[in-house]
Amino acid sequence: MSISDLDRELPTRRLRPPPQAGSAPPTRLPFHVSTMVAPNSSFSRGDSVAPLGYEILGILGRGGMGVVWKARQIGLDRIVALKMIQAGMDAGGEASERFHREAAAVARLRHPNIVQIFEVGACEGRPYFSLEFVDGGTLHQHIDRKPCDVRFAAEIVETLARAIQHAHDQNIIHRDLKPSNILLHIKDGTVDPNQLKVADFGLARHLNEENRLTATGFTAGTPPYMAPELFTIGQADQAGGSIDLYAMGIILYEMLTGRPPFTGSQAEIIHQVLLHDPIAPRRLQPVIPRDLETICLKCLRKDPRHRYTRAADLANDLARFLEGRPITARSIGPVVQARLWGRRNPLAASLMAAVGAVLLIGAGVATYFAVRAERNAGYFREQERIANLEKPRRWRRTGKRTTPCAARQSNGKRPNASLNSRTRKRMTRTW
């Protein structure tokens, strides 16, 4: 049954919750963020509409186009998350298309770590669908700008990677992975990494479908968690599953250090993502194991070809780390880092190469003249030494102090005539 058929056949009813004086308005979040917060019973008049068979209990999140309610499905007596387009939005425009895309994507996926969809319908022309409710909050709330335990971080991302691999096997790319879209399950007072749920497939894309770009030419998403190719016109529509691997690397980085690798305004973040490498996690938190840092930085490489090929490869490497076995990822050496930096910054690399060439040539010329000067100085020192050796011989022969010229006049021979052939060769050697 299509959405339009459900819209004609499904009756609706209005709820009139009692107003509460002084109640704070719900936190405004991006539409595609499923943030689990404490229920808020203050509803606006236009939003207090629930499909037949549901009782609204509170609000979980609100954005520019949609609202997520905590509701009870009366017939099955279970708590669900009810996602609807806000009142006043064009039900046939972009918001409706995003709703249909998310519902279709989630409906294709059957995995214990991906939130499940229960029902799709429409209420007074506004599409809605009900989802599995997870009451443990989000990973964003759990991190709270503080570093997590390294084993917990590795376990979370390993479970996340296996769930995303299932989506990739169905040719679905999430495109908006971030801590606020990862729902946690509390078991015995602690978070169970094996029970997390991936939510919010509002920006998901099937690989066989045409990519939809924004008016600026870039794919929609959250800049701190978006791969560099998504900011490059001409590459965004060709981006594949590697963008989810990059986002998982950002999530792992944030869990290990308590902060994303790139911060600032949106323009500053885009500039950093395109041109700068992230600070090594061990420089911020020295207790991080080197192997886990290597895995994280492999996910964050600018070139998609240098990241993990599949999400399953990332999950397997994290499993090796947790088991104490050698990982397959290898860190990049300084030579390769310099070459990759040169590709991203060709003008600066050319200038640095030119300056380096000038310095190298100057150093070579200076070395040549220094060696030549030293050899000349050595020659003159040898000449002086030989001359000093010749003087005592003439003094002993004549019995008085004479100059080399006087010695030559007295005996008719050159001053060095008594020297052996080796010494004469030294004296007659020319430069």
Protein backbone atom coordinates (compact mmCIF):
# COMPACT_ATOMS: atom_id res chain seq x y z
CA MET A 1 0.00 0.00 0.00
CA SER A 2 1.43 3.38 -1.00
CA ILE A 3 1.65 6.52 1.12
CA SER A 4 -1.14 8.17 -0.86
CA ASP A 5 -3.44 5.15 -0.29
CA LEU A 6 -2.75 5.27 3.43
CA ASP A 7 -3.45 9.00 3.42
CA ARG A 8 -6.94 8.41 2.02
CA GLU A 9 -7.83 5.43 4.19
CA LEU A 10 -6.16 6.12 7.55
CA PRO A 11 -8.34 8.18 9.95
CA THR A 12 -6.76 10.58 12.39
CA ARG A 13 -7.53 12.03 15.77
CA ARG A 14 -6.33 15.08 17.65
CA LEU A 15 -4.81 14.94 21.10
CA ARG A 16 -5.34 17.82 23.49
CA PRO A 17 -2.71 17.55 26.16
CA PRO A 18 -3.07 19.93 29.09
CA PRO A 19 -0.85 23.03 28.78
CA GLN A 20 2.02 23.42 31.21
CA ALA A 21 2.95 26.89 32.34
CA GLY A 22 6.58 27.84 32.00
CA SER A 23 7.57 24.74 30.07
CA ALA A 24 10.68 25.21 27.94
CA PRO A 25 10.39 24.67 24.18
CA PRO A 26 12.01 21.52 22.86
CA THR A 27 15.59 21.67 21.65
CA ARG A 28 15.84 22.40 17.93
CA LEU A 29 18.00 19.92 16.11
CA PRO A 30 18.71 19.21 12.43
CA PHE A 31 15.88 17.23 10.91
CA HIS A 32 17.99 14.18 10.27
CA VAL A 33 19.18 13.87 13.90
CA SER A 34 17.27 11.38 16.01
CA THR A 35 18.29 12.65 19.44
CA MET A 36 16.79 10.90 22.44
CA VAL A 37 16.13 13.41 25.20
CA ALA A 38 13.85 13.54 28.18
CA PRO A 39 10.22 13.60 27.09
CA ASN A 40 8.65 17.04 26.92
CA SER A 41 4.89 17.19 27.14
CA SER A 42 4.49 20.69 25.70
CA PHE A 43 3.01 20.46 22.18
CA SER A 44 2.17 23.16 19.72
CA ARG A 45 -1.38 23.19 18.43
CA GLY A 46 -0.38 22.31 14.88
CA ASP A 47 1.83 19.41 15.93
CA SER A 48 -0.55 17.70 18.35
CA VAL A 49 -1.88 15.34 15.69
CA ALA A 50 -1.35 11.62 16.04
CA PRO A 51 -2.34 8.82 13.66
CA LEU A 52 -5.09 6.51 14.78
CA GLY A 53 -3.72 3.84 17.08
CA TYR A 54 -0.95 5.96 18.62
CA GLU A 55 -0.79 7.97 21.81
CA ILE A 56 1.85 10.71 21.93
CA LEU A 57 3.82 10.72 25.18
CA GLY A 58 6.45 13.36 24.58
CA ILE A 59 8.81 14.93 22.11
CA LEU A 60 12.22 13.49 21.36
CA GLY A 61 13.57 15.97 18.82
CA ARG A 62 12.56 18.68 16.41
CA GLY A 63 14.15 20.12 13.30
CA GLY A 64 13.45 22.44 10.42
CA MET A 65 11.29 19.91 8.56
CA GLY A 66 10.40 17.11 10.95
CA VAL A 67 9.58 16.21 14.50
CA VAL A 68 10.15 12.95 16.39
CA TRP A 69 7.70 11.97 19.11
CA LYS A 70 7.83 9.35 21.77
CA ALA A 71 4.54 7.51 21.36
CA ARG A 72 2.73 4.38 22.44
CA GLN A 73 1.28 2.08 19.83
CA ILE A 74 -2.03 1.27 21.49
CA GLY A 75 -2.85 -1.97 19.70
CA LEU A 76 0.49 -3.63 20.53
CA ASP A 77 1.10 -1.67 23.73
CA ARG A 78 4.69 -0.81 22.86
CA ILE A 79 6.72 2.38 22.89
CA VAL A 80 7.85 3.64 19.48
CA ALA A 81 9.50 6.67 17.95
CA LEU A 82 7.02 8.44 15.67
CA LYS A 83 8.55 10.61 12.97
CA MET A 84 6.35 13.12 11.14
CA ILE A 85 6.70 16.14 8.88
CA GLN A 86 5.95 19.30 10.79
CA ALA A 87 2.65 21.06 10.26
CA GLY A 88 2.80 23.62 7.48
CA MET A 89 5.52 21.84 5.49
CA ASP A 90 4.91 20.95 1.86
CA ALA A 91 4.10 17.25 2.02
CA GLY A 92 4.98 16.84 -1.64
CA GLY A 93 8.34 18.61 -1.56
CA GLU A 94 11.84 17.84 -0.34
CA ALA A 95 10.71 16.90 3.19
CA SER A 96 8.34 14.25 1.88
CA GLU A 97 10.98 12.91 -0.50
CA ARG A 98 13.45 12.61 2.37
CA PHE A 99 10.84 10.81 4.49
CA HIS A 100 10.12 8.33 1.71
CA ARG A 101 13.86 7.78 1.12
CA GLU A 102 14.49 7.07 4.78
CA ALA A 103 11.51 4.73 5.09
CA ALA A 104 12.51 2.83 1.96
CA ALA A 105 16.14 2.52 3.10
CA VAL A 106 15.32 1.27 6.59
CA ALA A 107 12.70 -1.14 5.24
CA ARG A 108 15.38 -2.86 3.11
CA LEU A 109 17.66 -3.47 6.09
CA ARG A 110 17.31 -6.27 8.61
CA HIS A 111 20.16 -6.11 11.08
CA PRO A 112 20.18 -6.20 14.90
CA ASN A 113 22.21 -2.97 15.02
CA ILE A 114 20.02 -0.94 12.66
CA VAL A 115 16.84 0.63 13.97
CA GLN A 116 13.75 -1.15 12.60
CA ILE A 117 10.73 0.45 10.97
CA PHE A 118 7.28 -0.71 12.06
CA GLU A 119 4.71 1.23 10.06
CA VAL A 120 4.48 3.82 7.29
CA GLY A 121 1.47 6.02 6.75
CA ALA A 122 0.09 9.53 6.48
CA CYS A 123 -1.92 11.69 8.83
CA GLU A 124 -3.84 14.68 7.44
CA GLY A 125 -1.55 14.72 4.43
CA ARG A 126 1.61 14.54 6.54
CA PRO A 127 3.70 11.39 6.03
CA TYR A 128 4.87 9.55 9.12
CA PHE A 129 6.52 6.30 10.09
CA SER A 130 7.04 4.58 13.41
CA LEU A 131 10.43 3.26 14.43
CA GLU A 132 11.99 1.12 17.10
CA PHE A 133 12.47 3.18 20.27
CA VAL A 134 15.83 3.05 22.07
CA ASP A 135 15.92 4.58 25.53
CA GLY A 136 19.67 4.70 26.22
CA GLY A 137 20.38 8.10 24.65
CA THR A 138 22.85 8.82 21.89
CA LEU A 139 26.57 8.31 21.60
CA HIS A 140 26.93 12.10 21.42
CA GLN A 141 25.41 12.42 24.86
CA HIS A 142 27.63 9.63 26.16
CA ILE A 143 30.86 11.22 24.88
CA ASP A 144 29.98 14.67 26.27
CA ARG A 145 33.36 16.11 25.15
CA LYS A 146 35.31 13.60 27.24
CA PRO A 147 37.58 10.79 26.01
CA CYS A 148 36.11 7.30 26.25
CA ASP A 149 37.83 4.11 27.31
CA VAL A 150 39.88 2.83 24.37
CA ARG A 151 38.36 -0.67 24.44
CA PHE A 152 34.85 0.75 24.62
CA ALA A 153 35.59 3.02 21.64
CA ALA A 154 36.97 0.11 19.62
CA GLU A 155 33.98 -2.10 20.46
CA ILE A 156 31.48 0.62 19.53
CA VAL A 157 33.07 1.31 16.14
CA GLU A 158 33.51 -2.39 15.41
CA THR A 159 29.78 -3.01 15.96
CA LEU A 160 28.95 0.11 13.96
CA ALA A 161 31.18 -0.99 11.07
CA ARG A 162 29.49 -4.41 10.85
CA ALA A 163 26.06 -2.74 10.73
CA ILE A 164 27.19 -0.36 7.99
CA GLN A 165 28.68 -3.26 6.04
CA HIS A 166 25.20 -4.83 6.01
CA ALA A 167 23.80 -1.58 4.59
CA HIS A 168 26.56 -1.47 1.96
CA ASP A 169 25.78 -5.07 1.00
CA GLN A 170 22.27 -3.81 0.20
CA ASN A 171 23.79 -0.97 -1.89
CA ILE A 172 22.74 1.66 0.68
CA ILE A 173 25.11 4.40 1.85
CA HIS A 174 24.16 6.16 5.08
CA ARG A 175 25.96 9.47 4.30
CA ASP A 176 25.23 11.03 7.69
CA LEU A 177 26.98 8.90 10.31
CA LYS A 178 27.75 10.82 13.50
CA PRO A 179 27.46 10.23 17.27
CA SER A 180 23.98 11.76 17.50
CA ASN A 181 22.69 9.17 15.01
CA ILE A 182 23.94 6.22 17.05
CA LEU A 183 21.50 5.11 19.74
CA LEU A 184 22.76 3.23 22.77
CA HIS A 185 21.20 0.50 24.86
CA ILE A 186 21.66 0.47 28.63
CA LYS A 187 22.02 -2.98 30.19
CA ASP A 188 22.52 -3.40 33.95
CA GLY A 189 23.39 0.26 34.25
CA THR A 190 26.13 0.20 31.59
CA VAL A 191 26.18 0.75 27.85
CA ASP A 192 26.31 -2.47 25.86
CA PRO A 193 28.37 -1.81 22.70
CA ASN A 194 26.87 -4.86 20.98
CA GLN A 195 23.33 -3.45 21.26
CA LEU A 196 23.76 -0.04 19.62
CA LYS A 197 21.37 1.04 16.88
CA VAL A 198 22.16 3.06 13.77
CA ALA A 199 19.37 5.55 13.10
CA ASP A 200 18.42 8.34 10.70
CA PHE A 201 18.74 7.21 7.10
CA GLY A 202 17.19 10.47 5.87
CA LEU A 203 20.22 11.24 3.69
CA ALA A 204 20.83 7.63 2.67
CA ARG A 205 21.26 6.87 -1.01
CA HIS A 206 20.90 3.70 -2.98
CA LEU A 207 23.95 3.20 -5.20
CA ASN A 208 21.71 2.55 -8.20
CA GLU A 209 19.91 5.87 -7.77
CA GLU A 210 21.01 9.31 -8.86
CA ASN A 211 22.70 11.37 -6.16
CA ARG A 212 20.79 14.49 -5.16
CA LEU A 213 22.91 17.55 -4.45
CA THR A 214 22.06 20.78 -2.71
CA ALA A 215 21.84 24.09 -4.48
CA THR A 216 25.53 24.76 -3.68
CA GLY A 217 26.60 21.61 -5.50
CA PHE A 218 27.56 19.66 -2.38
CA THR A 219 25.84 16.68 -0.83
CA ALA A 220 23.88 17.49 2.32
CA GLY A 221 25.29 16.32 5.63
CA THR A 222 27.15 17.44 8.74
CA PRO A 223 30.48 19.09 7.74
CA PRO A 224 32.69 17.80 10.64
CA TYR A 225 31.80 14.21 9.67
CA MET A 226 31.85 14.57 5.88
CA ALA A 227 34.64 13.18 3.71
CA PRO A 228 36.74 15.55 1.57
CA GLU A 229 35.31 14.23 -1.70
CA LEU A 230 31.84 15.41 -0.65
CA PHE A 231 33.11 19.01 -0.77
CA THR A 232 34.60 18.64 -4.25
CA ILE A 233 32.28 19.44 -7.13
CA GLY A 234 32.34 16.58 -9.61
CA GLN A 235 33.32 14.00 -7.00
CA ALA A 236 30.38 14.23 -4.60
CA ASP A 237 28.02 12.44 -6.99
CA GLN A 238 30.58 9.64 -7.45
CA ALA A 239 31.22 9.09 -3.72
CA GLY A 240 30.68 5.54 -2.53
CA GLY A 241 30.84 3.64 0.72
CA SER A 242 34.22 5.15 1.63
CA ILE A 243 32.44 8.27 2.92
CA ASP A 244 30.86 6.13 5.66
CA LEU A 245 34.30 4.75 6.52
CA TYR A 246 35.62 8.30 6.84
CA ALA A 247 32.71 9.20 9.14
CA MET A 248 33.43 6.16 11.32
CA GLY A 249 37.04 7.30 11.57
CA ILE A 250 35.81 10.70 12.81
CA ILE A 251 33.58 8.98 15.37
CA LEU A 252 36.50 6.85 16.61
CA TYR A 253 38.73 9.95 16.79
CA GLU A 254 36.11 11.83 18.81
CA MET A 255 35.65 8.93 21.22
CA LEU A 256 39.41 8.65 21.77
CA THR A 257 40.13 12.37 22.20
CA GLY A 258 36.81 13.89 23.28
CA ARG A 259 36.67 16.22 20.25
CA PRO A 260 36.34 15.99 16.46
CA PRO A 261 39.55 16.45 14.49
CA PHE A 262 38.28 19.62 12.77
CA THR A 263 36.41 22.39 14.56
CA GLY A 264 35.38 25.98 13.88
CA SER A 265 32.87 27.63 11.58
CA GLN A 266 31.49 25.70 8.64
CA ALA A 267 33.87 27.43 6.21
CA GLU A 268 36.85 26.75 8.49
CA ILE A 269 35.89 23.10 8.85
CA ILE A 270 35.59 22.62 5.09
CA HIS A 271 39.01 24.26 4.60
CA GLN A 272 40.60 21.99 7.19
CA VAL A 273 38.95 18.85 5.83
CA LEU A 274 40.23 19.59 2.33
CA LEU A 275 43.77 20.79 3.09
CA HIS A 276 44.90 19.74 6.56
CA ASP A 277 45.65 16.42 8.19
CA PRO A 278 44.16 15.77 11.63
CA ILE A 279 46.34 16.00 14.70
CA ALA A 280 47.52 12.52 15.67
CA PRO A 281 45.29 11.25 18.51
CA ARG A 282 48.31 10.23 20.62
CA ARG A 283 49.45 13.86 20.69
CA LEU A 284 46.20 14.74 22.44
CA GLN A 285 45.89 11.56 24.51
CA PRO A 286 49.24 9.71 24.88
CA VAL A 287 47.51 6.69 26.49
CA ILE A 288 45.93 5.73 23.17
CA PRO A 289 47.54 2.53 21.80
CA ARG A 290 49.54 3.08 18.64
CA ASP A 291 47.66 0.37 16.72
CA LEU A 292 44.30 1.99 17.46
CA GLU A 293 45.67 5.36 16.33
CA THR A 294 46.87 3.74 13.10
CA ILE A 295 43.39 2.29 12.45
CA CYS A 296 41.77 5.66 13.11
CA LEU A 297 44.11 7.63 10.85
CA LYS A 298 43.74 5.09 8.03
CA CYS A 299 40.01 5.87 7.97
CA LEU A 300 40.76 9.62 7.80
CA ARG A 301 43.05 9.63 4.78
CA LYS A 302 42.11 12.21 2.17
CA ASP A 303 42.28 9.81 -0.75
CA PRO A 304 39.47 7.22 -0.57
CA ARG A 305 41.80 4.65 -2.16
CA HIS A 306 44.05 4.79 0.92
CA ARG A 307 41.24 4.02 3.37
CA TYR A 308 39.86 0.60 4.17
CA THR A 309 38.21 -0.98 1.16
CA ARG A 310 35.17 -2.25 3.07
CA ALA A 311 33.57 -1.54 6.43
CA ALA A 312 34.10 -5.21 7.27
CA ASP A 313 37.86 -4.70 6.91
CA LEU A 314 37.69 -1.93 9.51
CA ALA A 315 35.63 -4.14 11.83
CA ASN A 316 38.09 -7.03 11.43
CA ASP A 317 41.08 -4.81 12.19
CA LEU A 318 39.39 -3.52 15.34
CA ALA A 319 38.66 -7.12 16.34
CA ARG A 320 42.35 -7.94 15.91
CA PHE A 321 43.27 -5.00 18.11
CA LEU A 322 40.83 -6.10 20.82
CA GLU A 323 42.24 -9.63 20.70
CA GLY A 324 45.84 -8.43 20.89
CA ARG A 325 46.72 -9.65 17.39
CA PRO A 326 48.67 -7.68 14.71
CA ILE A 327 46.55 -5.32 12.64
CA THR A 328 46.69 -5.01 8.85
CA ALA A 329 46.78 -1.20 8.75
CA ARG A 330 50.16 0.48 8.48
CA SER A 331 51.05 4.05 9.31
CA ILE A 332 52.19 6.39 6.53
CA GLY A 333 55.87 7.36 6.54
CA PRO A 334 57.11 10.96 6.28
CA VAL A 335 58.01 10.61 2.58
CA VAL A 336 54.50 9.46 1.64
CA GLN A 337 52.97 12.13 3.86
CA ALA A 338 55.00 14.81 2.08
CA ARG A 339 53.99 13.46 -1.34
CA LEU A 340 50.28 13.43 -0.41
CA TRP A 341 50.58 16.94 1.03
CA GLY A 342 52.14 18.09 -2.24
CA ARG A 343 49.21 16.72 -4.22
CA ARG A 344 46.76 18.66 -2.05
CA ASN A 345 48.84 21.87 -2.12
CA PRO A 346 50.55 22.02 -5.54
CA LEU A 347 51.37 25.76 -5.44
CA ALA A 348 52.95 25.66 -1.99
CA ALA A 349 54.78 22.45 -2.90
CA SER A 350 56.19 24.07 -6.07
CA LEU A 351 57.41 27.11 -4.13
CA MET A 352 59.02 24.92 -1.49
CA ALA A 353 60.67 22.78 -4.17
CA ALA A 354 62.08 25.89 -5.87
CA VAL A 355 63.45 27.27 -2.60
CA GLY A 356 64.93 23.86 -1.79
CA ALA A 357 66.61 23.68 -5.22
CA VAL A 358 68.15 27.15 -4.77
CA LEU A 359 69.42 26.24 -1.31
CA LEU A 360 70.83 22.96 -2.60
CA ILE A 361 72.65 24.64 -5.49
CA GLY A 362 73.99 27.34 -3.16
CA ALA A 363 75.21 24.73 -0.70
CA GLY A 364 76.96 22.85 -3.53
CA VAL A 365 78.73 25.95 -4.82
CA ALA A 366 79.79 26.98 -1.31
CA THR A 367 81.13 23.49 -0.65
CA TYR A 368 83.14 23.51 -3.89
CA PHE A 369 84.87 26.79 -3.09
CA ALA A 370 85.48 25.76 0.50
CA VAL A 371 87.19 22.54 -0.62
CA ARG A 372 89.25 24.43 -3.19
CA ALA A 373 90.35 27.02 -0.64
CA GLU A 374 91.33 24.28 1.78
CA ARG A 375 93.42 22.50 -0.83
CA ASN A 376 95.19 25.75 -1.75
CA ALA A 377 95.90 26.45 1.88
CA GLY A 378 97.33 22.95 2.24
CA TYR A 379 99.60 23.46 -0.76
CA PHE A 380 101.02 26.70 0.61
CA ARG A 381 101.51 25.16 4.03
CA GLU A 382 103.52 22.34 2.42
CA GLN A 383 105.65 24.82 0.52
CA GLU A 384 106.36 26.70 3.69
CA ARG A 385 107.29 23.50 5.51
CA ILE A 386 109.75 22.49 2.81
CA ALA A 387 111.33 25.90 2.82
CA ASN A 388 111.79 25.68 6.57
CA LEU A 389 113.49 22.30 6.16
CA GLU A 390 115.93 23.74 3.60
CA LYS A 391 117.25 26.58 5.79
CA PRO A 392 119.08 24.48 8.46
CA ARG A 393 120.87 22.51 5.72
CA ARG A 394 122.43 25.67 4.26
CA TRP A 395 123.39 26.96 7.69
CA ARG A 396 125.25 23.80 8.58
CA ARG A 397 127.05 23.77 5.24
CA THR A 398 128.35 27.37 5.26
CA GLY A 399 128.70 27.76 9.00
CA LYS A 400 126.76 31.01 8.99
CA ARG A 401 123.20 32.20 8.47
CA THR A 402 122.65 32.65 4.79
CA THR A 403 119.60 33.15 2.67
CA PRO A 404 118.65 30.68 -0.04
CA CYS A 405 119.78 33.19 -2.64
CA ALA A 406 123.23 33.51 -0.97
CA ALA A 407 123.57 29.76 -0.80
CA ARG A 408 122.88 29.53 -4.51
CA GLN A 409 125.56 32.13 -5.31
CA SER A 410 128.19 30.39 -3.18
CA ASN A 411 127.89 26.91 -4.60
CA GLY A 412 126.20 27.57 -7.92
CA LYS A 413 123.34 25.19 -7.18
CA ARG A 414 119.64 25.70 -6.50
CA PRO A 415 118.65 25.69 -2.79
CA ASN A 416 116.78 22.40 -3.18
CA ALA A 417 119.41 20.58 -5.12
CA SER A 418 120.38 18.44 -2.13
CA LEU A 419 116.84 17.28 -1.54
CA ASN A 420 115.67 13.91 -2.70
CA SER A 421 113.50 13.42 -5.77
CA ARG A 422 110.28 13.02 -3.75
CA THR A 423 110.75 16.37 -2.03
CA ARG A 424 111.57 18.05 -5.35
CA LYS A 425 108.36 16.69 -6.86
CA ARG A 426 106.37 18.15 -3.99
CA MET A 427 108.01 21.55 -4.46
CA THR A 428 107.50 21.58 -8.24
CA ARG A 429 103.87 20.38 -8.04
CA THR A 430 101.49 22.96 -9.45
CA TRP A 431 97.82 23.40 -8.54
